[in-house]
Structures are given as structure tokens and as C-alpha cells.
């Protein structure tokens, strides 16, 4: 069951990222090619980004892949890295 939730989390992160990219692309095309746009696109992108950050934090903790902590720890001498 835990593996199911892990895959669901990864799928949600990927879907949010793809949705943000697609929505932003559509907005750019509508704005610069057709001279119109979607009123709600920026707000939807902001909400998707916020959810992606929250899920990404959870994913990073689970995978022990926090960039800032990893970079700081690698600067320490080998015996202090633990």
C-alpha cells in the first residue's frame, strides 16, 4: 500500500508540472498570437505550483534528496558528514 501512495505522489507531481507547462504555453500562444488570453491561467498556475512545492518537499524528504542540506554536508570533512 505504501508503494501505491509513493507512485501516486510522483504521478501528482508530474501531472501538476505538465499542467503548469501546458497552461502557460496555451496562455502565451493565446496572448501573443491571438491577442487574447485566459483570465484564470495565472492564478491556476500559482495554485498548481504551490501544491507541487508541498508535494515536492514530501518527495524530497522521502528520497533524502534535499539539495541545500546535501550541498552543505558535502562541504564538511568526511568524518563530520554523518
N, C-alpha and C. Protein backbone atom coordinates (compact mmCIF):
# COMPACT_ATOMS: atom_id res chain seq x y z
N UNK A 1 0.82 -1.20 0.00
CA UNK A 1 0.00 0.00 0.00
C UNK A 1 0.87 1.26 0.00
N UNK A 2 2.01 1.20 0.68
CA UNK A 2 2.90 2.36 0.73
C UNK A 2 3.46 2.68 -0.66
N UNK A 3 3.76 1.64 -1.42
CA UNK A 3 4.27 1.85 -2.78
C UNK A 3 3.23 2.55 -3.64
N UNK A 4 1.96 2.22 -3.44
CA UNK A 4 0.88 2.87 -4.18
C UNK A 4 0.86 4.37 -3.90
N UNK A 5 0.97 4.75 -2.63
CA UNK A 5 0.97 6.17 -2.26
C UNK A 5 2.21 6.88 -2.80
N UNK A 6 3.35 6.20 -2.80
CA UNK A 6 4.56 6.80 -3.35
C UNK A 6 4.39 7.07 -4.84
N UNK A 7 3.86 6.11 -5.57
CA UNK A 7 3.63 6.30 -7.01
C UNK A 7 2.58 7.37 -7.27
N UNK A 8 1.55 7.43 -6.43
CA UNK A 8 0.51 8.45 -6.57
C UNK A 8 1.11 9.84 -6.37
N UNK A 9 1.97 9.97 -5.38
CA UNK A 9 2.63 11.25 -5.13
C UNK A 9 3.48 11.67 -6.33
N UNK A 10 4.25 10.73 -6.88
CA UNK A 10 5.07 11.03 -8.05
C UNK A 10 4.20 11.39 -9.25
N UNK A 11 3.09 10.69 -9.42
CA UNK A 11 2.19 10.98 -10.52
C UNK A 11 1.57 12.37 -10.38
N UNK A 12 1.17 12.73 -9.17
CA UNK A 12 0.59 14.05 -8.94
C UNK A 12 1.60 15.16 -9.22
N UNK A 13 2.84 14.97 -8.80
CA UNK A 13 3.88 15.97 -9.06
C UNK A 13 4.08 16.12 -10.56
N UNK A 14 4.17 15.01 -11.27
CA UNK A 14 4.36 15.05 -12.73
C UNK A 14 3.16 15.69 -13.42
N UNK A 15 1.95 15.35 -12.97
CA UNK A 15 0.75 15.91 -13.58
C UNK A 15 0.65 17.42 -13.34
N UNK A 16 1.00 17.85 -12.14
CA UNK A 16 0.97 19.29 -11.86
C UNK A 16 2.00 20.03 -12.70
N UNK A 17 3.19 19.46 -12.84
CA UNK A 17 4.22 20.10 -13.64
C UNK A 17 3.81 20.17 -15.11
N UNK A 18 3.26 19.07 -15.62
CA UNK A 18 2.79 19.05 -17.01
C UNK A 18 1.64 20.02 -17.22
N UNK A 19 0.73 20.07 -16.26
CA UNK A 19 -0.40 21.00 -16.36
C UNK A 19 0.04 22.46 -16.34
N UNK A 20 1.00 22.77 -15.48
CA UNK A 20 1.52 24.14 -15.44
C UNK A 20 2.18 24.51 -16.77
N UNK A 21 2.97 23.59 -17.30
CA UNK A 21 3.67 23.85 -18.55
C UNK A 21 2.68 24.03 -19.70
N UNK A 22 1.71 23.16 -19.79
CA UNK A 22 0.72 23.23 -20.85
C UNK A 22 -0.12 24.50 -20.74
N UNK A 23 -0.57 24.82 -19.55
CA UNK A 23 -1.40 26.00 -19.35
C UNK A 23 -0.62 27.28 -19.67
N UNK A 24 0.63 27.33 -19.26
CA UNK A 24 1.45 28.50 -19.57
C UNK A 24 1.69 28.62 -21.07
N UNK A 25 1.96 27.50 -21.75
CA UNK A 25 2.15 27.51 -23.20
C UNK A 25 0.89 28.01 -23.91
N UNK A 26 -0.26 27.49 -23.50
CA UNK A 26 -1.53 27.92 -24.11
C UNK A 26 -1.75 29.40 -23.89
N UNK A 27 -1.45 29.88 -22.70
CA UNK A 27 -1.63 31.30 -22.39
C UNK A 27 -0.73 32.17 -23.26
N UNK A 28 0.52 31.76 -23.45
CA UNK A 28 1.45 32.53 -24.28
C UNK A 28 0.97 32.57 -25.73
N UNK A 29 0.54 31.42 -26.25
CA UNK A 29 0.05 31.38 -27.63
C UNK A 29 -1.19 32.25 -27.78
N UNK A 30 -2.13 32.13 -26.85
CA UNK A 30 -3.33 32.95 -26.92
C UNK A 30 -3.01 34.44 -26.84
N UNK A 31 -2.09 34.80 -25.98
CA UNK A 31 -1.79 36.21 -25.78
C UNK A 31 -1.06 36.81 -26.98
N UNK A 32 -0.01 36.14 -27.46
CA UNK A 32 0.84 36.75 -28.47
C UNK A 32 0.44 36.43 -29.91
N UNK A 33 -0.32 35.36 -30.12
CA UNK A 33 -0.74 35.03 -31.48
C UNK A 33 -2.15 35.54 -31.74
N UNK A 34 -3.05 35.35 -30.78
CA UNK A 34 -4.45 35.71 -31.00
C UNK A 34 -4.87 37.00 -30.29
N UNK A 35 -4.01 37.56 -29.46
CA UNK A 35 -4.33 38.81 -28.79
C UNK A 35 -5.37 38.69 -27.70
N UNK A 36 -5.54 37.50 -27.16
CA UNK A 36 -6.49 37.28 -26.08
C UNK A 36 -5.82 36.41 -25.03
N UNK A 37 -6.55 35.95 -24.06
CA UNK A 37 -5.95 35.10 -23.04
C UNK A 37 -7.00 34.58 -22.07
N UNK A 38 -6.54 33.73 -21.18
CA UNK A 38 -7.42 33.17 -20.15
C UNK A 38 -7.24 33.99 -18.87
N UNK A 39 -8.31 34.47 -18.31
CA UNK A 39 -8.22 35.31 -17.12
C UNK A 39 -7.72 34.54 -15.90
N UNK A 40 -8.00 33.27 -15.84
CA UNK A 40 -7.71 32.46 -14.67
C UNK A 40 -6.40 31.70 -14.77
N UNK A 41 -5.67 31.81 -15.87
CA UNK A 41 -4.49 30.97 -16.10
C UNK A 41 -3.38 31.23 -15.09
N UNK A 42 -3.08 32.49 -14.80
CA UNK A 42 -2.01 32.80 -13.86
C UNK A 42 -2.33 32.29 -12.46
N UNK A 43 -3.56 32.51 -12.03
CA UNK A 43 -3.95 32.05 -10.70
C UNK A 43 -3.92 30.53 -10.60
N UNK A 44 -4.38 29.85 -11.63
CA UNK A 44 -4.34 28.38 -11.64
C UNK A 44 -2.90 27.88 -11.61
N UNK A 45 -2.03 28.54 -12.34
CA UNK A 45 -0.62 28.15 -12.34
C UNK A 45 0.01 28.35 -10.97
N UNK A 46 -0.34 29.42 -10.31
CA UNK A 46 0.18 29.68 -8.96
C UNK A 46 -0.28 28.60 -7.99
N UNK A 47 -1.54 28.23 -8.05
CA UNK A 47 -2.05 27.18 -7.16
C UNK A 47 -1.41 25.83 -7.46
N UNK A 48 -1.23 25.53 -8.75
CA UNK A 48 -0.57 24.26 -9.10
C UNK A 48 0.87 24.25 -8.62
N UNK A 49 1.55 25.39 -8.75
CA UNK A 49 2.92 25.47 -8.28
C UNK A 49 3.00 25.28 -6.77
N UNK A 50 2.08 25.88 -6.03
CA UNK A 50 2.07 25.74 -4.57
C UNK A 50 1.89 24.28 -4.17
N UNK A 51 0.96 23.59 -4.81
CA UNK A 51 0.75 22.18 -4.50
C UNK A 51 1.95 21.34 -4.90
N UNK A 52 2.59 21.71 -6.02
CA UNK A 52 3.76 20.97 -6.45
C UNK A 52 4.90 21.14 -5.46
N UNK A 53 5.04 22.34 -4.91
CA UNK A 53 6.08 22.57 -3.90
C UNK A 53 5.82 21.72 -2.66
N UNK A 54 4.59 21.71 -2.19
CA UNK A 54 4.26 20.93 -0.99
C UNK A 54 4.49 19.44 -1.22
N UNK A 55 4.06 18.93 -2.35
CA UNK A 55 4.29 17.52 -2.65
C UNK A 55 5.77 17.24 -2.90
N UNK A 56 6.46 18.19 -3.51
CA UNK A 56 7.89 18.03 -3.77
C UNK A 56 8.71 18.00 -2.50
N UNK A 57 8.32 18.77 -1.51
CA UNK A 57 9.00 18.71 -0.21
C UNK A 57 8.87 17.32 0.39
N UNK A 58 7.67 16.79 0.35
CA UNK A 58 7.43 15.44 0.86
C UNK A 58 8.25 14.41 0.10
N UNK A 59 8.29 14.54 -1.21
CA UNK A 59 9.06 13.62 -2.05
C UNK A 59 10.56 13.73 -1.73
N UNK A 60 11.05 14.95 -1.59
CA UNK A 60 12.46 15.16 -1.28
C UNK A 60 12.87 14.58 0.06
N UNK A 61 12.01 14.71 1.04
CA UNK A 61 12.30 14.13 2.36
C UNK A 61 12.31 12.61 2.28
N UNK A 62 11.35 12.06 1.54
CA UNK A 62 11.28 10.59 1.41
C UNK A 62 12.51 10.04 0.70
N UNK A 63 12.98 10.74 -0.32
CA UNK A 63 14.13 10.27 -1.09
C UNK A 63 15.46 10.75 -0.50
N UNK A 64 15.40 11.51 0.56
CA UNK A 64 16.59 12.10 1.19
C UNK A 64 17.42 12.85 0.16
N UNK A 65 16.76 13.73 -0.58
CA UNK A 65 17.40 14.44 -1.68
C UNK A 65 17.27 15.95 -1.53
N UNK A 66 17.37 16.45 -0.32
CA UNK A 66 17.27 17.88 -0.11
C UNK A 66 18.55 18.55 -0.60
N UNK A 67 18.45 19.42 -1.57
CA UNK A 67 19.62 19.99 -2.23
C UNK A 67 20.45 20.83 -1.27
N UNK A 68 19.82 21.70 -0.51
CA UNK A 68 20.56 22.58 0.38
C UNK A 68 21.33 21.84 1.45
N UNK A 69 20.70 20.89 2.10
CA UNK A 69 21.35 20.12 3.16
C UNK A 69 22.47 19.28 2.57
N UNK A 70 22.23 18.65 1.44
CA UNK A 70 23.22 17.79 0.81
C UNK A 70 24.45 18.61 0.40
N UNK A 71 24.24 19.77 -0.16
CA UNK A 71 25.37 20.60 -0.59
C UNK A 71 26.18 21.08 0.61
N UNK A 72 25.52 21.46 1.69
CA UNK A 72 26.23 21.93 2.88
C UNK A 72 26.99 20.80 3.55
N UNK A 73 26.39 19.62 3.61
CA UNK A 73 27.03 18.48 4.27
C UNK A 73 28.26 18.04 3.49
N UNK A 74 28.22 18.07 2.19
CA UNK A 74 29.37 17.64 1.38
C UNK A 74 30.57 18.57 1.52
N UNK A 75 30.35 19.78 2.01
CA UNK A 75 31.46 20.71 2.23
C UNK A 75 32.24 20.38 3.50
N UNK A 76 31.63 19.62 4.40
CA UNK A 76 32.28 19.27 5.66
C UNK A 76 33.32 18.18 5.45
N UNK A 77 34.27 18.05 6.39
CA UNK A 77 35.23 16.94 6.30
C UNK A 77 34.48 15.59 6.40
N UNK A 78 35.10 14.55 5.89
CA UNK A 78 34.45 13.25 5.78
C UNK A 78 33.90 12.73 7.11
N UNK A 79 34.66 12.88 8.19
CA UNK A 79 34.18 12.33 9.47
C UNK A 79 33.03 13.12 10.07
N UNK A 80 32.82 14.37 9.65
CA UNK A 80 31.73 15.19 10.16
C UNK A 80 30.48 15.11 9.30
N UNK A 81 30.55 14.47 8.16
CA UNK A 81 29.41 14.40 7.26
C UNK A 81 28.26 13.57 7.82
N UNK A 82 28.53 12.68 8.72
CA UNK A 82 27.48 11.85 9.28
C UNK A 82 26.52 12.69 10.10
